[in-house]
Amino acid sequence: MLSETGGLVAGLHLLTDGHRLWFSDLAHYVGRYQVELDPE
């Protein structure tokens, strides 16, 4: 993930709930850009 100044602030990791797989920066996009996820 990049900071607002363009510097690297964290590496990405894959997360899972046993059914779905997502990158660790998903929460950033949901919070900052109000991205909605498919409920299925």
N, C-alpha and C. Protein backbone atom coordinates (compact mmCIF):
# COMPACT_ATOMS: atom_id res chain seq x y z
N MET A 1 0.85 -1.16 0.00
CA MET A 1 0.00 0.00 0.00
C MET A 1 0.90 1.23 0.00
N LEU A 2 0.49 2.25 -0.68
CA LEU A 2 1.27 3.48 -0.73
C LEU A 2 0.64 4.54 0.16
N SER A 3 1.47 5.37 0.76
CA SER A 3 0.96 6.49 1.53
C SER A 3 0.57 7.61 0.57
N GLU A 4 -0.05 8.66 1.10
CA GLU A 4 -0.45 9.77 0.25
C GLU A 4 0.76 10.47 -0.37
N THR A 5 1.93 10.33 0.22
CA THR A 5 3.14 10.92 -0.34
C THR A 5 3.79 9.99 -1.35
N GLY A 6 3.23 8.79 -1.52
CA GLY A 6 3.75 7.85 -2.50
C GLY A 6 4.72 6.83 -1.93
N GLY A 7 5.02 6.92 -0.65
CA GLY A 7 5.93 5.96 -0.03
C GLY A 7 5.22 4.68 0.38
N LEU A 8 5.95 3.61 0.41
CA LEU A 8 5.39 2.32 0.82
C LEU A 8 5.16 2.32 2.33
N VAL A 9 3.93 1.99 2.77
CA VAL A 9 3.64 1.97 4.20
C VAL A 9 3.36 0.57 4.71
N ALA A 10 3.01 -0.35 3.84
CA ALA A 10 2.73 -1.72 4.28
C ALA A 10 2.73 -2.65 3.08
N GLY A 11 3.14 -3.88 3.31
CA GLY A 11 3.08 -4.89 2.25
C GLY A 11 1.69 -5.50 2.21
N LEU A 12 1.32 -6.02 1.07
CA LEU A 12 0.01 -6.66 0.94
C LEU A 12 0.09 -8.12 1.37
N HIS A 13 -0.99 -8.58 1.97
CA HIS A 13 -1.11 -9.97 2.37
C HIS A 13 -2.45 -10.48 1.86
N LEU A 14 -2.54 -11.76 1.61
CA LEU A 14 -3.81 -12.37 1.27
C LEU A 14 -4.51 -12.80 2.53
N LEU A 15 -5.80 -12.48 2.63
CA LEU A 15 -6.62 -12.86 3.77
C LEU A 15 -7.76 -13.74 3.28
N THR A 16 -8.29 -14.58 4.15
CA THR A 16 -9.40 -15.45 3.77
C THR A 16 -10.30 -15.71 4.96
N ASP A 17 -11.54 -16.03 4.66
CA ASP A 17 -12.49 -16.46 5.68
C ASP A 17 -12.80 -17.95 5.48
N GLY A 18 -12.03 -18.60 4.62
CA GLY A 18 -12.24 -20.01 4.31
C GLY A 18 -13.10 -20.21 3.07
N HIS A 19 -13.74 -19.14 2.63
CA HIS A 19 -14.60 -19.20 1.45
C HIS A 19 -14.13 -18.20 0.39
N ARG A 20 -13.77 -17.01 0.82
CA ARG A 20 -13.32 -15.95 -0.08
C ARG A 20 -11.88 -15.58 0.22
N LEU A 21 -11.25 -14.91 -0.75
CA LEU A 21 -9.87 -14.48 -0.64
C LEU A 21 -9.80 -13.01 -1.03
N TRP A 22 -9.08 -12.18 -0.25
CA TRP A 22 -8.94 -10.77 -0.57
C TRP A 22 -7.59 -10.26 -0.11
N PHE A 23 -7.18 -9.12 -0.68
CA PHE A 23 -5.93 -8.49 -0.28
C PHE A 23 -6.14 -7.67 0.99
N SER A 24 -5.10 -7.54 1.78
CA SER A 24 -5.19 -6.86 3.07
C SER A 24 -5.52 -5.37 2.96
N ASP A 25 -5.37 -4.76 1.80
CA ASP A 25 -5.69 -3.34 1.66
C ASP A 25 -7.16 -3.09 1.34
N LEU A 26 -7.97 -4.13 1.30
CA LEU A 26 -9.39 -3.96 0.98
C LEU A 26 -10.08 -3.00 1.95
N ALA A 27 -9.79 -3.08 3.23
CA ALA A 27 -10.42 -2.19 4.21
C ALA A 27 -10.13 -0.72 3.91
N HIS A 28 -8.96 -0.44 3.38
CA HIS A 28 -8.61 0.94 3.00
C HIS A 28 -9.58 1.46 1.94
N TYR A 29 -9.82 0.67 0.91
CA TYR A 29 -10.70 1.11 -0.18
C TYR A 29 -12.15 1.18 0.25
N VAL A 30 -12.58 0.27 1.10
CA VAL A 30 -13.95 0.31 1.62
C VAL A 30 -14.15 1.57 2.45
N GLY A 31 -13.20 1.87 3.33
CA GLY A 31 -13.32 3.04 4.20
C GLY A 31 -13.13 4.37 3.48
N ARG A 32 -12.14 4.45 2.62
CA ARG A 32 -11.82 5.73 1.97
C ARG A 32 -12.73 6.05 0.79
N TYR A 33 -13.08 5.05 -0.01
CA TYR A 33 -13.84 5.28 -1.23
C TYR A 33 -15.25 4.70 -1.19
N GLN A 34 -15.67 4.22 -0.02
CA GLN A 34 -17.01 3.64 0.16
C GLN A 34 -17.31 2.54 -0.88
N VAL A 35 -16.31 1.72 -1.16
CA VAL A 35 -16.47 0.61 -2.07
C VAL A 35 -17.44 -0.38 -1.44
N GLU A 36 -18.42 -0.83 -2.20
CA GLU A 36 -19.36 -1.82 -1.69
C GLU A 36 -18.98 -3.20 -2.21
N LEU A 37 -19.14 -4.19 -1.35
CA LEU A 37 -18.80 -5.56 -1.72
C LEU A 37 -20.04 -6.34 -2.10
N ASP A 38 -19.89 -7.25 -3.02
CA ASP A 38 -20.97 -8.15 -3.41
C ASP A 38 -21.29 -9.05 -2.22
N PRO A 39 -22.54 -9.10 -1.78
CA PRO A 39 -22.88 -9.90 -0.60
C PRO A 39 -22.70 -11.41 -0.80
N GLU A 40 -22.58 -11.84 -2.02
CA GLU A 40 -22.41 -13.28 -2.26
C GLU A 40 -21.01 -13.60 -2.35
